[in-house]
Amino acid sequence: MECNISKAREHHRMTQAELAEKAEISRITLSKIENGRMMPSLEIAMRISDAIGERIQILWTR
């Protein structure tokens, strides 16, 4: 799966720290997810999606 969080985050002019805080996760966790070193749980994926205002299907594609 391809992670598009960083593109969406930049489109919404958010920093990693801002998105991580809104999603209630650490910036390090968000960085690992964006770089493909970690696959988030469904709960975390939904929090990221809600925090950035995009559907999960937009943030992760095949």
N, C-alpha and C. Protein backbone atom coordinates (compact mmCIF):
# COMPACT_ATOMS: atom_id res chain seq x y z
N MET A 1 0.83 -1.17 0.00
CA MET A 1 0.00 0.00 0.00
C MET A 1 0.88 1.25 0.00
N GLU A 2 0.43 2.24 -0.71
CA GLU A 2 1.14 3.51 -0.75
C GLU A 2 0.50 4.49 0.23
N CYS A 3 1.33 5.13 0.99
CA CYS A 3 0.86 6.09 1.99
C CYS A 3 0.94 7.50 1.41
N ASN A 4 -0.19 8.20 1.39
CA ASN A 4 -0.25 9.55 0.85
C ASN A 4 -0.46 10.61 1.93
N ILE A 5 -0.18 10.26 3.17
CA ILE A 5 -0.43 11.20 4.26
C ILE A 5 0.40 12.46 4.10
N SER A 6 1.68 12.33 3.81
CA SER A 6 2.53 13.53 3.73
C SER A 6 2.03 14.48 2.64
N LYS A 7 1.59 13.94 1.50
CA LYS A 7 1.06 14.80 0.43
C LYS A 7 -0.20 15.52 0.89
N ALA A 8 -1.10 14.79 1.53
CA ALA A 8 -2.34 15.39 2.02
C ALA A 8 -2.04 16.40 3.12
N ARG A 9 -1.11 16.06 4.00
CA ARG A 9 -0.74 16.96 5.09
C ARG A 9 -0.18 18.26 4.55
N GLU A 10 0.70 18.17 3.57
CA GLU A 10 1.28 19.37 2.96
C GLU A 10 0.22 20.17 2.22
N HIS A 11 -0.72 19.48 1.57
CA HIS A 11 -1.82 20.16 0.87
C HIS A 11 -2.64 21.00 1.85
N HIS A 12 -2.82 20.48 3.06
CA HIS A 12 -3.59 21.18 4.09
C HIS A 12 -2.71 22.10 4.94
N ARG A 13 -1.45 22.26 4.51
CA ARG A 13 -0.47 23.13 5.19
C ARG A 13 -0.34 22.82 6.68
N MET A 14 -0.16 21.53 6.95
CA MET A 14 0.03 21.09 8.33
C MET A 14 1.42 20.51 8.49
N THR A 15 2.01 20.72 9.64
CA THR A 15 3.28 20.07 9.95
C THR A 15 2.99 18.69 10.54
N GLN A 16 4.03 17.88 10.61
CA GLN A 16 3.87 16.57 11.25
C GLN A 16 3.42 16.75 12.69
N ALA A 17 4.01 17.70 13.38
CA ALA A 17 3.68 17.93 14.79
C ALA A 17 2.20 18.32 14.95
N GLU A 18 1.71 19.18 14.06
CA GLU A 18 0.31 19.60 14.14
C GLU A 18 -0.64 18.44 13.89
N LEU A 19 -0.36 17.66 12.85
CA LEU A 19 -1.22 16.52 12.54
C LEU A 19 -1.17 15.48 13.65
N ALA A 20 0.02 15.20 14.13
CA ALA A 20 0.17 14.22 15.21
C ALA A 20 -0.62 14.64 16.45
N GLU A 21 -0.54 15.91 16.78
CA GLU A 21 -1.27 16.40 17.96
C GLU A 21 -2.79 16.26 17.75
N LYS A 22 -3.28 16.64 16.57
CA LYS A 22 -4.72 16.52 16.29
C LYS A 22 -5.18 15.07 16.30
N ALA A 23 -4.31 14.16 15.83
CA ALA A 23 -4.65 12.74 15.77
C ALA A 23 -4.36 12.01 17.09
N GLU A 24 -3.78 12.73 18.03
CA GLU A 24 -3.43 12.18 19.34
C GLU A 24 -2.46 11.00 19.25
N ILE A 25 -1.43 11.19 18.42
CA ILE A 25 -0.34 10.21 18.30
C ILE A 25 0.97 10.99 18.38
N SER A 26 2.08 10.29 18.56
CA SER A 26 3.36 11.00 18.61
C SER A 26 3.82 11.36 17.20
N ARG A 27 4.64 12.40 17.12
CA ARG A 27 5.19 12.81 15.83
C ARG A 27 6.08 11.70 15.26
N ILE A 28 6.76 10.99 16.13
CA ILE A 28 7.63 9.88 15.69
C ILE A 28 6.78 8.79 15.04
N THR A 29 5.66 8.46 15.65
CA THR A 29 4.76 7.45 15.07
C THR A 29 4.27 7.91 13.71
N LEU A 30 3.85 9.16 13.61
CA LEU A 30 3.38 9.69 12.33
C LEU A 30 4.49 9.62 11.28
N SER A 31 5.69 9.97 11.66
CA SER A 31 6.82 9.91 10.73
C SER A 31 7.05 8.49 10.23
N LYS A 32 7.00 7.51 11.13
CA LYS A 32 7.18 6.11 10.74
C LYS A 32 6.07 5.67 9.77
N ILE A 33 4.85 6.10 10.03
CA ILE A 33 3.73 5.75 9.14
C ILE A 33 3.93 6.38 7.77
N GLU A 34 4.27 7.68 7.74
CA GLU A 34 4.48 8.38 6.47
C GLU A 34 5.61 7.76 5.66
N ASN A 35 6.64 7.25 6.34
CA ASN A 35 7.80 6.69 5.64
C ASN A 35 7.68 5.20 5.36
N GLY A 36 6.52 4.61 5.67
CA GLY A 36 6.29 3.21 5.38
C GLY A 36 6.99 2.23 6.31
N ARG A 37 7.49 2.71 7.44
CA ARG A 37 8.16 1.83 8.39
C ARG A 37 7.20 1.25 9.41
N MET A 38 5.96 1.72 9.38
CA MET A 38 4.96 1.24 10.33
C MET A 38 3.58 1.31 9.68
N MET A 39 2.78 0.27 9.86
CA MET A 39 1.40 0.27 9.38
C MET A 39 0.51 0.56 10.58
N PRO A 40 -0.30 1.61 10.50
CA PRO A 40 -1.13 1.95 11.67
C PRO A 40 -2.28 0.99 11.86
N SER A 41 -2.75 0.94 13.09
CA SER A 41 -3.98 0.19 13.36
C SER A 41 -5.13 0.95 12.70
N LEU A 42 -6.27 0.30 12.57
CA LEU A 42 -7.44 0.95 11.99
C LEU A 42 -7.83 2.17 12.82
N GLU A 43 -7.75 2.06 14.13
CA GLU A 43 -8.10 3.19 15.01
C GLU A 43 -7.21 4.41 14.73
N ILE A 44 -5.91 4.19 14.63
CA ILE A 44 -4.98 5.30 14.37
C ILE A 44 -5.20 5.84 12.97
N ALA A 45 -5.43 4.97 11.99
CA ALA A 45 -5.70 5.43 10.62
C ALA A 45 -6.94 6.33 10.59
N MET A 46 -7.96 5.96 11.35
CA MET A 46 -9.18 6.75 11.39
C MET A 46 -8.93 8.10 12.08
N ARG A 47 -8.11 8.11 13.12
CA ARG A 47 -7.78 9.37 13.80
C ARG A 47 -7.00 10.30 12.88
N ILE A 48 -6.06 9.74 12.12
CA ILE A 48 -5.29 10.55 11.17
C ILE A 48 -6.23 11.10 10.09
N SER A 49 -7.09 10.24 9.59
CA SER A 49 -8.05 10.64 8.56
C SER A 49 -8.95 11.77 9.06
N ASP A 50 -9.48 11.63 10.25
CA ASP A 50 -10.34 12.68 10.83
C ASP A 50 -9.57 13.97 11.06
N ALA A 51 -8.34 13.85 11.56
CA ALA A 51 -7.54 15.03 11.88
C ALA A 51 -7.16 15.83 10.64
N ILE A 52 -6.94 15.12 9.54
CA ILE A 52 -6.52 15.81 8.32
C ILE A 52 -7.71 16.17 7.43
N GLY A 53 -8.86 15.55 7.70
CA GLY A 53 -10.06 15.87 6.93
C GLY A 53 -10.13 15.19 5.57
N GLU A 54 -9.54 14.01 5.47
CA GLU A 54 -9.55 13.24 4.22
C GLU A 54 -10.04 11.83 4.51
N ARG A 55 -10.62 11.19 3.51
CA ARG A 55 -11.04 9.79 3.66
C ARG A 55 -9.82 8.89 3.73
N ILE A 56 -9.97 7.79 4.44
CA ILE A 56 -8.88 6.81 4.55
C ILE A 56 -8.44 6.33 3.17
N GLN A 57 -9.38 6.15 2.26
CA GLN A 57 -9.06 5.66 0.91
C GLN A 57 -8.13 6.61 0.16
N ILE A 58 -8.17 7.89 0.50
CA ILE A 58 -7.28 8.87 -0.13
C ILE A 58 -5.88 8.77 0.47
N LEU A 59 -5.82 8.49 1.77
CA LEU A 59 -4.53 8.48 2.46
C LEU A 59 -3.72 7.22 2.21
N TRP A 60 -4.37 6.11 1.90
CA TRP A 60 -3.68 4.85 1.57
C TRP A 60 -4.27 4.30 0.29
N THR A 61 -3.42 4.05 -0.69
CA THR A 61 -3.87 3.49 -1.97
C THR A 61 -3.04 2.26 -2.31
N ARG A 62 -3.60 1.44 -3.16
CA ARG A 62 -2.87 0.25 -3.62
C ARG A 62 -2.00 0.59 -4.80
